[in-house]
Amino acid sequence: MAVEIQDRVRKFKVRTYDKQDSKYKFIAKFQEHGDLICPKFYTFHPTVGCPFNCGYCYLQCILLEGTHPRQYVNYEDMMVDVTQWLLDHKGQSLKSGSVSDGLASGSTYLKHVIPLFRLQEERKNRLVVLTRAGAGTSRAKLPLKIEPTPSVIFSWTMSPDPIRRLYEADTPTLKARLKLMKQFHEAGWRTRLRIDPIIPVKRSMDYYQDMCQEIMQAWNHGKGLGIDRITLGTLRFNGKLESLSKTMHGPLNQADVFGDLQWCMKREGKRWQLFDSTRLRAYQWIRTNIDPAIPVTLCKETPELSKEFYAGKKRPACDCQD
């Protein structure tokens, strides 16, 4: 899918659940509903929209004009924003890819932003780039030509191929994602991995077990693929998403993820999520298939369920932290 090029110098704004900070044009403060374990962090929007068409994607709710990728090219404004944010904070995370794919929606911005993080390494701020890009995603490879810095981390979302074929139209295969992730690791970049959302449909735990085995083989006890940590999360959405998906991404996918999960979901206010017991069992099952040497953490989870999952052990830092 072609990336639309836009230049918004003064009026950049994203319709999202993040709280727009009037001090910045491209940066917002993360703001989630409810009592969650999420730390304080900020989101960065150099691109908007995504070339993939996952049936459950929440961009269908916040980008009603279409989820196609848009890449903003007013880089001077972007660099001013990021420089100011770096000076305003210490030990904080800035997350790219919350309203786009951090690589596949366009990665030119990284050529301008990464040097700023390198110059400010002593302040311990981090840029975390979220992506589903694969080895065949041409726009994703620009960082391979840039000198790495520990202040920038690339975090890949992985899904079993049977789940991907059903609900994640146009996304790269697991093998393609692992291949690109390995290329970044070998180029010297810090890399992480996300399994989010976990979708517990029929036979899905077998699919996730097979995927974990493939990931562990690639990791090879730290001798192969670099994995700082693995973050787990489950599907959660507001009530509008199911109806919007019927006319947006839903017809592009082989199956209806919302219908397939009705048996194990509950509604809390305006939001839907899996039953507590279903989420906990999914997390526990996947953790048993991951080498204990790799930290496993949870995303957007409640303190109660997190406490039960870790069973008295210290919770590792999540994907939004160093």
Protein backbone atom coordinates (compact mmCIF):
# COMPACT_ATOMS: atom_id res chain seq x y z
CA MET A 1 0.00 0.00 0.00
CA ALA A 2 1.34 3.44 -0.94
CA VAL A 3 2.10 5.85 1.87
CA GLU A 4 0.39 9.22 1.57
CA ILE A 5 2.81 12.10 2.16
CA GLN A 6 1.48 15.06 4.12
CA ASP A 7 2.98 18.20 5.62
CA ARG A 8 1.22 19.54 8.71
CA VAL A 9 3.28 22.33 10.19
CA ARG A 10 0.87 23.90 12.67
CA LYS A 11 -2.25 21.78 13.03
CA PHE A 12 -1.05 18.25 13.66
CA LYS A 13 -3.63 16.40 15.73
CA VAL A 14 -4.54 12.74 16.16
CA ARG A 15 -7.98 11.59 17.26
CA THR A 16 -6.87 9.14 19.93
CA TYR A 17 -7.37 8.25 23.57
CA ASP A 18 -3.99 9.80 24.36
CA LYS A 19 -4.07 13.24 25.97
CA GLN A 20 -2.78 15.85 23.53
CA ASP A 21 -0.12 18.00 25.21
CA SER A 22 -0.34 21.58 23.92
CA LYS A 23 3.42 21.88 24.35
CA TYR A 24 4.10 19.38 21.57
CA LYS A 25 2.72 18.89 18.05
CA PHE A 26 3.70 15.26 17.54
CA ILE A 27 3.74 13.93 21.10
CA ALA A 28 0.91 12.98 23.45
CA LYS A 29 0.75 11.60 26.97
CA PHE A 30 -0.60 8.07 27.19
CA GLN A 31 -3.97 7.94 28.90
CA GLU A 32 -5.81 4.64 29.33
CA HIS A 33 -9.15 3.96 30.94
CA GLY A 34 -9.39 2.10 34.22
CA ASP A 35 -6.95 0.88 36.84
CA LEU A 36 -4.03 -0.70 34.99
CA ILE A 37 -0.38 -1.47 35.68
CA CYS A 38 0.76 0.81 32.84
CA PRO A 39 3.59 3.22 33.71
CA LYS A 40 3.75 6.83 32.61
CA PHE A 41 4.91 7.18 29.01
CA TYR A 42 4.38 9.30 25.91
CA THR A 43 3.30 8.46 22.37
CA PHE A 44 4.95 9.86 19.24
CA HIS A 45 3.00 10.29 15.98
CA PRO A 46 5.34 10.89 13.00
CA THR A 47 3.09 8.58 10.97
CA VAL A 48 -0.60 7.77 11.21
CA GLY A 49 -2.45 4.75 9.84
CA CYS A 50 -1.20 1.29 8.93
CA PRO A 51 -0.73 -0.75 5.72
CA PHE A 52 -2.07 -3.86 7.47
CA ASN A 53 -5.77 -4.56 7.98
CA CYS A 54 -6.20 -6.51 11.21
CA GLY A 55 -9.87 -7.13 11.94
CA TYR A 56 -9.54 -6.09 15.58
CA CYS A 57 -7.44 -2.93 14.98
CA TYR A 58 -8.54 0.00 17.16
CA LEU A 59 -7.45 2.48 14.46
CA GLN A 60 -10.85 1.78 12.91
CA CYS A 61 -12.32 3.75 15.84
CA ILE A 62 -9.97 6.72 15.80
CA LEU A 63 -9.14 7.14 12.10
CA LEU A 64 -12.63 7.20 10.66
CA GLU A 65 -11.45 8.77 7.39
CA GLY A 66 -9.48 5.59 6.70
CA THR A 67 -6.61 3.66 8.24
CA HIS A 68 -4.28 3.94 5.23
CA PRO A 69 -0.77 5.11 6.26
CA ARG A 70 0.16 8.79 6.21
CA GLN A 71 3.75 9.93 6.69
CA TYR A 72 4.32 13.48 7.89
CA VAL A 73 7.34 15.24 6.42
CA ASN A 74 7.65 18.47 8.39
CA TYR A 75 10.77 17.05 9.98
CA GLU A 76 12.07 20.32 11.39
CA ASP A 77 8.95 20.66 13.55
CA MET A 78 9.27 17.01 14.50
CA MET A 79 12.89 17.45 15.58
CA VAL A 80 12.01 20.53 17.62
CA ASP A 81 9.29 18.53 19.37
CA VAL A 82 11.51 15.56 20.16
CA THR A 83 14.42 17.75 21.28
CA GLN A 84 12.16 19.62 23.67
CA TRP A 85 10.68 16.37 24.99
CA LEU A 86 14.16 14.97 25.61
CA LEU A 87 15.12 18.10 27.57
CA ASP A 88 11.87 17.96 29.56
CA HIS A 89 12.26 14.35 30.72
CA LYS A 90 14.68 11.85 32.23
CA GLY A 91 14.26 8.08 32.20
CA GLN A 92 11.01 8.22 30.20
CA SER A 93 9.79 6.31 27.14
CA LEU A 94 8.48 7.74 23.90
CA LYS A 95 6.51 5.19 21.91
CA SER A 96 6.16 5.24 18.11
CA GLY A 97 3.58 2.96 16.54
CA SER A 98 0.49 3.47 18.70
CA VAL A 99 -1.54 4.98 15.83
CA SER A 100 0.50 3.44 13.01
CA ASP A 101 3.11 0.79 12.40
CA GLY A 102 6.38 2.30 13.57
CA LEU A 103 8.28 0.92 10.56
CA ALA A 104 5.83 -0.23 7.88
CA SER A 105 3.87 3.05 7.80
CA GLY A 106 7.07 4.90 6.90
CA SER A 107 10.43 5.03 8.65
CA THR A 108 12.08 8.13 7.19
CA TYR A 109 11.39 10.02 10.42
CA LEU A 110 13.89 7.77 12.22
CA LYS A 111 16.74 9.24 10.18
CA HIS A 112 15.94 12.59 11.81
CA VAL A 113 14.97 11.44 15.30
CA ILE A 114 17.48 8.71 16.19
CA PRO A 115 20.48 11.11 16.25
CA LEU A 116 18.62 13.24 18.80
CA PHE A 117 18.29 10.27 21.16
CA ARG A 118 21.96 9.41 20.61
CA LEU A 119 23.00 12.94 21.63
CA GLN A 120 20.92 12.69 24.82
CA GLU A 121 21.88 9.15 25.92
CA GLU A 122 22.91 10.32 29.41
CA ARG A 123 19.30 11.36 30.15
CA LYS A 124 18.19 7.70 29.84
CA ASN A 125 15.13 8.45 27.71
CA ARG A 126 14.08 5.75 25.25
CA LEU A 127 12.33 5.62 21.88
CA VAL A 128 10.37 2.35 21.53
CA VAL A 129 9.28 1.57 17.95
CA LEU A 130 6.37 -0.89 17.63
CA THR A 131 6.01 -2.88 14.42
CA ARG A 132 4.67 -5.95 12.63
CA ALA A 133 7.00 -5.43 9.66
CA GLY A 134 8.66 -8.37 7.96
CA ALA A 135 11.74 -8.96 5.85
CA GLY A 136 9.79 -8.05 2.71
CA THR A 137 8.57 -4.72 4.07
CA SER A 138 10.80 -2.35 2.08
CA ARG A 139 10.03 0.80 4.10
CA ALA A 140 11.11 -0.93 7.30
CA LYS A 141 14.82 -1.31 6.57
CA LEU A 142 16.06 2.28 6.81
CA PRO A 143 17.34 1.86 10.42
CA LEU A 144 19.69 -0.88 9.21
CA LYS A 145 21.70 1.96 7.59
CA ILE A 146 21.82 4.04 10.79
CA GLU A 147 24.34 3.71 13.62
CA PRO A 148 22.59 1.97 16.55
CA THR A 149 22.09 3.51 19.97
CA PRO A 150 20.84 1.81 23.16
CA SER A 151 18.35 4.66 23.49
CA VAL A 152 16.24 3.27 20.62
CA ILE A 153 14.46 -0.10 20.87
CA PHE A 154 12.50 -1.97 18.19
CA SER A 155 9.64 -4.14 19.45
CA TRP A 156 8.01 -6.73 17.15
CA THR A 157 4.48 -8.02 17.57
CA MET A 158 4.28 -11.73 16.70
CA SER A 159 1.24 -13.87 15.92
CA PRO A 160 0.90 -17.55 15.00
CA ASP A 161 0.34 -17.92 11.27
CA PRO A 162 -3.10 -19.59 11.65
CA ILE A 163 -4.26 -16.61 13.74
CA ARG A 164 -2.64 -14.18 11.29
CA ARG A 165 -4.45 -15.75 8.33
CA LEU A 166 -7.82 -15.51 10.08
CA TYR A 167 -7.71 -12.04 11.60
CA GLU A 168 -4.63 -10.08 10.43
CA ALA A 169 -5.04 -9.39 6.71
CA ASP A 170 -1.91 -8.30 4.83
CA THR A 171 0.49 -8.81 7.76
CA PRO A 172 3.85 -10.55 7.17
CA THR A 173 4.32 -14.17 8.19
CA LEU A 174 5.90 -15.10 11.50
CA LYS A 175 9.05 -16.21 9.70
CA ALA A 176 9.32 -12.88 7.84
CA ARG A 177 8.94 -10.89 11.06
CA LEU A 178 11.55 -13.00 12.87
CA LYS A 179 13.93 -12.62 9.94
CA LEU A 180 13.72 -8.80 9.98
CA MET A 181 13.97 -8.74 13.78
CA LYS A 182 17.16 -10.80 13.54
CA GLN A 183 18.58 -8.41 10.94
CA PHE A 184 18.03 -5.50 13.32
CA HIS A 185 19.63 -7.43 16.18
CA GLU A 186 22.66 -8.33 14.08
CA ALA A 187 22.97 -4.66 13.05
CA GLY A 188 23.36 -3.80 16.75
CA TRP A 189 19.86 -2.61 17.66
CA ARG A 190 18.06 -3.56 20.88
CA THR A 191 15.07 -5.75 20.02
CA ARG A 192 12.02 -6.94 21.94
CA LEU A 193 9.02 -9.07 21.23
CA ARG A 194 5.29 -8.75 21.90
CA ILE A 195 2.58 -11.41 21.77
CA ASP A 196 -0.42 -9.10 21.84
CA PRO A 197 -3.26 -9.58 21.35
CA ILE A 198 -3.50 -13.23 22.32
CA ILE A 199 -6.68 -14.55 20.67
CA PRO A 200 -7.93 -17.75 22.38
CA VAL A 201 -10.01 -19.42 19.69
CA LYS A 202 -10.30 -23.17 19.03
CA ARG A 203 -6.86 -24.86 18.99
CA SER A 204 -5.19 -21.49 19.51
CA MET A 205 -3.04 -22.61 22.43
CA ASP A 206 -1.49 -25.22 20.14
CA TYR A 207 -0.80 -22.42 17.64
CA TYR A 208 0.84 -20.26 20.31
CA GLN A 209 2.89 -23.20 21.56
CA ASP A 210 4.20 -23.84 18.03
CA MET A 211 4.99 -20.14 17.62
CA CYS A 212 6.88 -19.99 20.93
CA GLN A 213 8.94 -23.00 19.90
CA GLU A 214 9.87 -21.27 16.65
CA ILE A 215 10.80 -18.09 18.54
CA MET A 216 12.90 -20.01 21.07
CA GLN A 217 14.74 -21.81 18.27
CA ALA A 218 15.55 -18.44 16.69
CA TRP A 219 16.64 -17.07 20.08
CA ASN A 220 18.91 -20.09 20.68
CA HIS A 221 19.72 -19.34 24.33
CA GLY A 222 20.82 -15.80 23.50
CA LYS A 223 23.13 -16.85 20.66
CA GLY A 224 20.68 -15.98 17.89
CA LEU A 225 17.77 -13.60 17.96
CA GLY A 226 18.04 -10.78 20.50
CA ILE A 227 15.07 -10.56 22.89
CA ASP A 228 15.28 -8.01 25.72
CA ARG A 229 11.89 -9.15 27.02
CA ILE A 230 8.55 -10.57 25.89
CA THR A 231 5.31 -8.68 26.54
CA LEU A 232 1.96 -10.48 26.65
CA GLY A 233 -1.49 -8.93 26.18
CA THR A 234 -5.02 -9.94 25.20
CA LEU A 235 -7.71 -8.47 22.97
CA ARG A 236 -9.60 -5.53 24.46
CA PHE A 237 -11.80 -3.04 22.64
CA ASN A 238 -14.61 -0.53 23.02
CA GLY A 239 -18.16 -1.17 21.83
CA LYS A 240 -17.81 0.84 18.62
CA LEU A 241 -15.05 -1.29 17.17
CA GLU A 242 -17.15 -4.37 16.41
CA SER A 243 -19.68 -2.42 14.34
CA LEU A 244 -17.05 -0.29 12.56
CA SER A 245 -15.04 -3.36 11.63
CA LYS A 246 -17.99 -4.78 9.67
CA THR A 247 -17.53 -2.09 7.00
CA MET A 248 -13.78 -1.42 7.36
CA HIS A 249 -11.28 -4.23 8.03
CA GLY A 250 -13.72 -7.05 8.79
CA PRO A 251 -14.55 -7.98 5.16
CA LEU A 252 -10.81 -8.17 4.37
CA ASN A 253 -10.26 -10.96 6.90
CA GLN A 254 -11.23 -14.64 6.73
CA ALA A 255 -13.11 -14.73 10.04
CA ASP A 256 -14.93 -12.47 12.51
CA VAL A 257 -12.72 -12.17 15.58
CA PHE A 258 -15.50 -10.63 17.67
CA GLY A 259 -17.98 -13.39 16.91
CA ASP A 260 -15.36 -16.08 17.52
CA LEU A 261 -14.56 -14.69 20.99
CA GLN A 262 -18.10 -14.09 22.28
CA TRP A 263 -17.86 -17.19 24.46
CA CYS A 264 -15.05 -15.77 26.62
CA MET A 265 -15.57 -12.00 26.71
CA LYS A 266 -17.21 -9.69 29.20
CA ARG A 267 -18.28 -6.08 29.02
CA GLU A 268 -17.11 -3.53 31.57
CA GLY A 269 -18.70 -0.15 30.89
CA LYS A 270 -18.02 0.69 27.25
CA ARG A 271 -15.14 -1.75 26.92
CA TRP A 272 -14.91 -5.48 26.23
CA GLN A 273 -12.18 -7.85 27.37
CA LEU A 274 -11.59 -11.55 27.96
CA PHE A 275 -12.69 -13.11 31.24
CA ASP A 276 -10.04 -12.82 33.95
CA SER A 277 -9.61 -16.58 34.11
CA THR A 278 -9.21 -16.83 30.32
CA ARG A 279 -6.52 -14.14 30.29
CA LEU A 280 -4.63 -15.68 33.17
CA ARG A 281 -4.64 -19.18 31.65
CA ALA A 282 -3.43 -17.80 28.31
CA TYR A 283 -0.57 -15.90 29.95
CA GLN A 284 0.45 -18.90 32.05
CA TRP A 285 0.36 -21.28 29.09
CA ILE A 286 2.52 -19.06 26.91
CA ARG A 287 5.00 -18.41 29.74
CA THR A 288 5.56 -22.17 30.13
CA ASN A 289 6.71 -22.21 26.50
CA ILE A 290 9.25 -19.38 26.92
CA ASP A 291 12.74 -19.89 28.31
CA PRO A 292 12.89 -18.68 31.96
CA ALA A 293 15.94 -16.56 31.10
CA ILE A 294 13.74 -14.15 29.13
CA PRO A 295 11.71 -11.68 31.23
CA VAL A 296 7.96 -11.90 30.57
CA THR A 297 5.72 -8.94 31.33
CA LEU A 298 2.07 -7.99 30.81
CA CYS A 299 0.50 -5.12 28.87
CA LYS A 300 -2.55 -3.07 29.96
CA GLU A 301 -3.46 -5.53 32.68
CA THR A 302 -5.10 -5.05 36.07
CA PRO A 303 -3.03 -5.02 39.28
CA GLU A 304 -5.05 -7.97 40.65
CA LEU A 305 -4.46 -10.26 37.69
CA SER A 306 -0.83 -9.16 37.42
CA LYS A 307 -0.27 -10.05 41.08
CA GLU A 308 -1.78 -13.50 40.53
CA PHE A 309 0.33 -14.08 37.41
CA TYR A 310 3.63 -13.22 39.11
CA ALA A 311 2.67 -15.04 42.33
CA GLY A 312 4.83 -12.97 44.66
CA LYS A 313 7.75 -12.53 42.26
CA LYS A 314 8.90 -9.11 41.13
CA ARG A 315 7.19 -7.91 37.96
CA PRO A 316 9.68 -7.11 35.17
CA ALA A 317 9.60 -3.73 33.47
CA CYS A 318 7.09 -3.64 30.62
CA ASP A 319 7.61 -2.80 26.96
CA CYS A 320 7.10 0.92 27.67
CA GLN A 321 10.06 1.01 30.06
CA ASP A 322 13.79 0.46 29.76
